[in-house]
Amino acid sequence: MRNAKKSEIDITKLKALDNSITVTVGTGGNFSTITQAINYLMEYRPTKVGVKVTIQLMAGFVMKEQVLLRNGDYSWIQIDSVDTEVVIDRTYIQTAMASDVTSSISAFYFIDRCIAPRINVLFSMNTLGASAGQGGCLLMQNSNGIILPNKGFKDCPGTNAAVIVNSTLLARNCVFTSFVSPSGSGVSISASSSADVSGSNMSHNSVGLDVQTGSSANAENITSSGNTNYGILAASNSTVNAPNASLLYNGAYGIIANYASRVNAHGSTTANSGTFGFIVTTGATINASSSTGTKNIAVNTVTANGIIFA
């Protein structure tokens, strides 16, 4: 089931919404799926500042659907939950729903100039059904999203949150951890996209924070520890601002920067992380001032690999 595109909605027939409204999803609720609730709400539009539109996931609700939203503004909708965590049943997350633009399999897709509903839920994917690299949330093609503090996506065998192709994500103090194997990235940002993940936890993935191909991340005070490979990867002319990050016990490196990428890791710690705490290659730069961790080159010295300031 999908939501209508913006171009398919007749704005002359939208119903005015003068007061806040909450619709419920789950057993005994107004709807059985999130998609049904969104389709219903798209018949309305708030007419006053302060009108709140909420989809509340009821106690015991298990997500057994994939939500695909394209080319529309859903930012006036907020998804909440009664339960502290809401389970995503992986059995039902098996299809590349947006196969015309991506082969990724995800629980939520926000694609093609989509402004996503605000997510005020901590989703956790279970291990039922085949593991096929499923992700939690995918923002793609000039789309924007907000995940509220202490919420997020966890335990996905793929990437918990992916931000791709000129898209943006605001997710401060959120949760993107995985305690499953295999796992992907906590947060992946690529193709000229950006995200603010300050204060978030992206531990126990393959890569905690993965920033590539001209993208950027504000990652102050993040925790990205115990990842199989890297705490932070900055690749292909990307920029990461990660002062005071906790990057402990990562399998290969605490931070790796390559191909002219730049990382500010002032005050960060990469103790007990694999071969090196900090590594630069192919002309990259890391500011490791007041930080702790081993380096792959002599500090404050320009080399073919780049430079690490300390």
Protein backbone atom coordinates (compact mmCIF):
# COMPACT_ATOMS: atom_id res chain seq x y z
CA MET A 1 0.00 0.00 0.00
CA ARG A 2 1.36 3.44 -0.85
CA ASN A 3 0.54 7.05 -0.17
CA ALA A 4 -0.68 9.30 -2.95
CA LYS A 5 1.81 11.55 -4.66
CA LYS A 6 1.40 15.27 -4.19
CA SER A 7 0.54 15.57 -7.88
CA GLU A 8 -2.38 13.14 -7.38
CA ILE A 9 -4.05 15.21 -4.64
CA ASP A 10 -6.71 17.76 -5.59
CA ILE A 11 -5.91 20.63 -3.21
CA THR A 12 -9.29 22.23 -3.95
CA LYS A 13 -10.97 19.31 -2.16
CA LEU A 14 -8.83 19.21 0.98
CA LYS A 15 -10.71 19.51 4.26
CA ALA A 16 -9.77 22.28 6.68
CA LEU A 17 -8.37 21.11 10.02
CA ASP A 18 -8.96 23.75 12.69
CA ASN A 19 -8.17 21.63 15.75
CA SER A 20 -5.48 19.15 16.71
CA ILE A 21 -6.23 15.54 15.86
CA THR A 22 -4.78 12.15 16.82
CA VAL A 23 -5.47 8.98 14.87
CA THR A 24 -4.45 5.60 16.25
CA VAL A 25 -2.88 2.61 14.54
CA GLY A 26 -3.02 -0.94 15.86
CA THR A 27 -5.46 -3.35 17.46
CA GLY A 28 -8.59 -1.44 18.45
CA GLY A 29 -7.35 1.73 16.76
CA ASN A 30 -8.62 3.77 13.84
CA PHE A 31 -6.36 2.02 11.33
CA SER A 32 -4.36 -1.18 11.06
CA THR A 33 -1.35 0.32 9.23
CA ILE A 34 0.65 3.55 9.21
CA THR A 35 0.04 3.92 5.47
CA GLN A 36 -3.73 3.83 5.95
CA ALA A 37 -3.48 6.57 8.57
CA ILE A 38 -1.35 8.78 6.34
CA ASN A 39 -3.71 8.30 3.39
CA TYR A 40 -6.61 9.40 5.58
CA LEU A 41 -4.81 12.46 6.92
CA MET A 42 -3.79 13.59 3.44
CA GLU A 43 -7.43 14.56 2.87
CA TYR A 44 -6.92 17.35 5.46
CA ARG A 45 -4.72 20.39 5.96
CA PRO A 46 -4.13 22.36 9.19
CA THR A 47 -5.43 25.90 8.88
CA LYS A 48 -4.00 27.38 12.10
CA VAL A 49 -0.59 27.64 13.70
CA GLY A 50 -0.33 25.17 16.57
CA VAL A 51 -2.69 22.57 15.17
CA LYS A 52 -1.06 19.19 15.82
CA VAL A 53 -1.67 16.13 13.70
CA THR A 54 -0.49 12.89 15.29
CA ILE A 55 -0.42 9.25 14.30
CA GLN A 56 -0.16 7.27 17.53
CA LEU A 57 1.02 3.67 17.37
CA MET A 58 -0.94 1.80 20.03
CA ALA A 59 0.44 -0.46 22.74
CA GLY A 60 1.66 -3.73 21.27
CA PHE A 61 1.67 -2.45 17.71
CA VAL A 62 4.10 -4.32 15.43
CA MET A 63 4.96 -2.73 12.09
CA LYS A 64 4.19 -5.21 9.30
CA GLU A 65 4.41 -2.94 6.27
CA GLN A 66 6.74 -0.81 4.21
CA VAL A 67 5.84 2.88 3.99
CA LEU A 68 6.61 4.67 0.72
CA LEU A 69 6.08 8.45 0.47
CA ARG A 70 7.02 10.49 -2.59
CA ASN A 71 7.01 14.13 -3.60
CA GLY A 72 4.92 15.75 -0.90
CA ASP A 73 4.98 17.68 2.37
CA TYR A 74 4.10 15.45 5.31
CA SER A 75 5.98 17.51 7.90
CA TRP A 76 2.77 18.55 9.66
CA ILE A 77 2.25 14.91 10.69
CA GLN A 78 4.06 13.39 13.67
CA ILE A 79 4.31 9.67 14.33
CA ASP A 80 4.26 8.81 18.07
CA SER A 81 4.02 5.55 19.98
CA VAL A 82 2.66 4.34 23.31
CA ASP A 83 5.41 1.73 23.67
CA THR A 84 9.01 2.73 24.39
CA GLU A 85 10.08 0.71 21.35
CA VAL A 86 8.06 -0.39 18.34
CA VAL A 87 9.05 -3.63 16.66
CA ILE A 88 9.42 -3.81 12.88
CA ASP A 89 8.69 -7.37 11.74
CA ARG A 90 11.43 -8.13 9.23
CA THR A 91 9.24 -10.78 7.61
CA TYR A 92 7.32 -7.95 5.95
CA ILE A 93 10.37 -5.88 4.92
CA GLN A 94 11.44 -7.89 1.88
CA THR A 95 10.75 -5.74 -1.21
CA ALA A 96 12.61 -2.93 -2.93
CA MET A 97 9.53 -0.70 -2.95
CA ALA A 98 11.20 2.09 -4.94
CA SER A 99 12.96 -0.12 -7.47
CA ASP A 100 12.73 2.59 -10.12
CA VAL A 101 15.35 4.63 -8.22
CA THR A 102 17.01 2.28 -5.70
CA SER A 103 17.48 -1.41 -4.99
CA SER A 104 17.49 -0.72 -1.25
CA ILE A 105 14.99 -2.53 0.96
CA SER A 106 13.72 -0.31 3.76
CA ALA A 107 10.88 0.00 6.24
CA PHE A 108 10.35 3.70 5.42
CA TYR A 109 11.06 5.40 2.09
CA PHE A 110 10.92 9.19 1.73
CA ILE A 111 11.78 9.94 -1.90
CA ASP A 112 11.71 12.64 -4.56
CA ARG A 113 11.37 15.99 -2.75
CA CYS A 114 9.53 14.42 0.15
CA ILE A 115 9.36 16.24 3.48
CA ALA A 116 8.85 13.33 5.84
CA PRO A 117 6.55 13.11 8.86
CA ARG A 118 8.39 13.80 12.11
CA ILE A 119 9.36 10.51 13.72
CA ASN A 120 8.93 10.36 17.48
CA VAL A 121 9.34 6.58 17.75
CA LEU A 122 12.23 4.23 18.47
CA PHE A 123 11.84 1.43 15.94
CA SER A 124 13.62 -1.89 16.46
CA MET A 125 13.77 -4.52 13.70
CA ASN A 126 13.39 -8.14 14.78
CA THR A 127 15.20 -11.12 13.23
CA LEU A 128 12.22 -12.91 11.72
CA GLY A 129 12.22 -13.56 7.99
CA ALA A 130 15.19 -13.51 5.63
CA SER A 131 18.01 -11.04 6.24
CA ALA A 132 18.38 -9.06 3.01
CA GLY A 133 20.19 -5.91 4.09
CA GLN A 134 16.98 -4.23 5.23
CA GLY A 135 17.25 -0.65 6.41
CA GLY A 136 15.10 1.39 8.72
CA CYS A 137 14.68 4.78 7.06
CA LEU A 138 15.73 6.01 3.60
CA LEU A 139 15.69 9.67 2.55
CA MET A 140 16.50 10.12 -1.15
CA GLN A 141 16.41 12.67 -3.97
CA ASN A 142 16.10 16.09 -2.31
CA SER A 143 14.10 14.78 0.64
CA ASN A 144 14.18 15.98 4.24
CA GLY A 145 13.44 14.34 7.55
CA ILE A 146 13.42 14.90 11.31
CA ILE A 147 13.82 12.23 13.97
CA LEU A 148 13.20 13.50 17.49
CA PRO A 149 15.63 12.96 20.42
CA ASN A 150 15.94 9.47 21.94
CA LYS A 151 14.13 7.99 18.93
CA GLY A 152 15.45 6.39 15.77
CA PHE A 153 16.04 2.97 14.21
CA LYS A 154 18.04 0.06 15.59
CA ASP A 155 19.03 -3.54 14.86
CA CYS A 156 18.61 -3.34 11.10
CA PRO A 157 20.78 -5.76 9.07
CA GLY A 158 21.27 -2.91 6.59
CA THR A 159 21.64 0.80 7.33
CA ASN A 160 19.54 2.13 10.18
CA ALA A 161 19.15 5.55 8.53
CA ALA A 162 20.31 6.44 5.00
CA VAL A 163 20.42 9.96 3.53
CA ILE A 164 21.09 9.95 -0.22
CA VAL A 165 21.22 12.38 -3.18
CA ASN A 166 20.93 15.98 -1.93
CA SER A 167 18.82 15.00 1.07
CA THR A 168 18.99 16.14 4.70
CA LEU A 169 18.32 14.65 8.11
CA LEU A 170 18.04 16.28 11.53
CA ALA A 171 18.51 13.59 14.18
CA ARG A 172 20.16 14.95 17.31
CA ASN A 173 20.54 12.67 20.37
CA CYS A 174 18.99 9.73 18.51
CA VAL A 175 19.57 5.97 18.48
CA PHE A 176 21.06 4.11 15.50
CA THR A 177 22.65 1.08 17.14
CA SER A 178 22.68 -2.54 15.96
CA PHE A 179 23.26 -5.72 17.91
CA VAL A 180 22.64 -8.04 14.96
CA SER A 181 24.93 -9.71 12.47
CA PRO A 182 25.35 -8.82 9.72
CA SER A 183 24.75 -5.10 10.11
CA GLY A 184 25.35 -2.06 7.92
CA SER A 185 25.91 1.54 8.98
CA GLY A 186 24.32 3.36 11.86
CA VAL A 187 23.85 6.43 9.66
CA SER A 188 24.93 6.63 6.02
CA ILE A 189 25.10 9.99 4.21
CA SER A 190 26.07 10.12 0.53
CA ALA A 191 25.80 11.92 -2.81
CA SER A 192 25.94 15.56 -1.64
CA SER A 193 23.64 15.01 1.33
CA SER A 194 23.91 16.29 4.90
CA ALA A 195 22.84 15.37 8.41
CA ASP A 196 23.03 16.68 11.95
CA VAL A 197 23.41 13.65 14.22
CA SER A 198 25.00 15.41 17.18
CA GLY A 199 24.78 13.48 20.43
CA SER A 200 23.48 10.34 18.73
CA ASN A 201 24.55 6.75 19.40
CA MET A 202 25.54 4.67 16.37
CA SER A 203 27.47 1.88 18.04
CA HIS A 204 27.77 -1.85 17.21
CA ASN A 205 27.22 -1.53 13.48
CA SER A 206 29.67 -2.32 10.69
CA VAL A 207 30.37 1.42 10.35
CA GLY A 208 28.91 3.87 12.84
CA LEU A 209 28.84 7.08 10.79
CA ASP A 210 29.46 6.67 7.04
CA VAL A 211 29.80 9.95 5.10
CA GLN A 212 30.69 9.74 1.40
CA THR A 213 30.78 11.47 -1.99
CA GLY A 214 30.78 15.15 -1.16
CA SER A 215 28.48 14.89 1.83
CA SER A 216 28.67 16.41 5.30
CA ALA A 217 27.75 15.59 8.88
CA ASN A 218 27.60 17.54 12.11
CA ALA A 219 28.44 14.86 14.68
CA GLU A 220 29.41 16.63 17.88
CA ASN A 221 29.49 14.44 20.98
CA ILE A 222 28.44 11.27 19.19
CA THR A 223 29.05 7.77 20.51
CA SER A 224 30.18 5.37 17.80
CA SER A 225 31.90 2.48 19.55
CA GLY A 226 32.18 -1.26 19.12
CA ASN A 227 31.61 -1.16 15.38
CA THR A 228 33.04 -4.03 13.34
CA ASN A 229 35.03 -1.70 11.09
CA TYR A 230 35.02 2.08 11.73
CA GLY A 231 33.56 4.57 14.14
CA ILE A 232 33.59 7.28 11.45
CA LEU A 233 34.28 6.96 7.72
CA ALA A 234 34.72 10.20 5.74
CA ALA A 235 35.23 9.35 2.06
CA SER A 236 35.51 11.08 -1.30
CA ASN A 237 35.70 14.79 -0.44
CA SER A 238 33.30 14.70 2.49
CA THR A 239 33.30 16.74 5.72
CA VAL A 240 32.58 15.58 9.27
CA ASN A 241 32.51 17.83 12.33
CA ALA A 242 32.92 15.39 15.23
CA PRO A 243 34.49 17.09 18.25
CA ASN A 244 34.34 15.28 21.59
CA ALA A 245 33.25 12.00 19.98
CA SER A 246 33.53 8.68 21.82
CA LEU A 247 34.93 6.15 19.32
CA LEU A 248 36.10 3.22 21.41
CA TYR A 249 36.81 -0.42 20.54
CA ASN A 250 36.12 -0.18 16.82
CA GLY A 251 37.42 -3.16 14.87
CA ALA A 252 39.64 -1.45 12.30
CA TYR A 253 39.89 2.31 12.92
CA GLY A 254 38.28 4.93 15.10
CA ILE A 255 38.26 7.46 12.24
CA ILE A 256 39.33 6.98 8.63
CA ALA A 257 39.37 9.85 6.13
CA ASN A 258 40.28 9.50 2.46
CA TYR A 259 40.27 11.30 -0.89
CA ALA A 260 40.52 14.89 0.36
CA SER A 261 37.93 14.45 3.10
CA ARG A 262 38.13 16.51 6.26
CA VAL A 263 37.31 15.54 9.85
CA ASN A 264 37.37 17.75 12.92
CA ALA A 265 37.85 15.35 15.84
CA HIS A 266 39.06 17.81 18.47
CA GLY A 267 38.77 16.29 21.92
CA SER A 268 37.68 12.88 20.65
CA THR A 269 38.88 9.50 21.89
CA THR A 270 39.55 6.43 19.74
CA ALA A 271 41.10 4.20 22.39
CA ASN A 272 41.36 0.46 21.69
CA SER A 273 40.26 0.84 18.09
CA GLY A 274 41.93 -1.74 15.84
CA THR A 275 45.08 -0.83 13.93
CA PHE A 276 44.89 2.94 14.37
CA GLY A 277 42.66 5.42 16.12
CA PHE A 278 43.11 7.98 13.32
CA ILE A 279 44.05 7.23 9.71
CA VAL A 280 44.29 9.48 6.66
CA THR A 281 44.88 8.39 3.07
CA THR A 282 44.86 10.02 -0.38
CA GLY A 283 45.15 13.62 0.75
CA ALA A 284 42.72 13.71 3.66
CA THR A 285 42.83 15.87 6.80
CA ILE A 286 41.99 15.11 10.43
CA ASN A 287 42.17 17.61 13.27
CA ALA A 288 42.99 15.40 16.27
CA SER A 289 43.99 18.17 18.65
CA SER A 290 43.40 17.28 22.33
CA SER A 291 42.34 13.81 21.20
CA THR A 292 43.56 10.37 22.20
CA GLY A 293 44.41 7.51 19.85
CA THR A 294 47.18 6.25 17.58
CA LYS A 295 47.86 7.76 14.17
CA ASN A 296 49.00 6.21 10.88
CA ILE A 297 51.38 9.11 10.07
CA ALA A 298 53.53 11.56 11.98
CA VAL A 299 51.38 14.43 13.19
CA ASN A 300 51.57 18.00 11.87
CA THR A 301 53.40 16.77 8.78
CA VAL A 302 52.11 16.94 5.21
CA THR A 303 52.37 13.59 3.44
CA ALA A 304 50.91 11.98 0.33
CA ASN A 305 48.31 10.44 2.64
CA GLY A 306 47.35 13.82 4.04
CA ILE A 307 47.87 15.42 7.41
CA ILE A 308 46.77 14.82 10.99
CA PHE A 309 46.93 17.88 13.22
CA ALA A 310 47.54 17.25 16.90
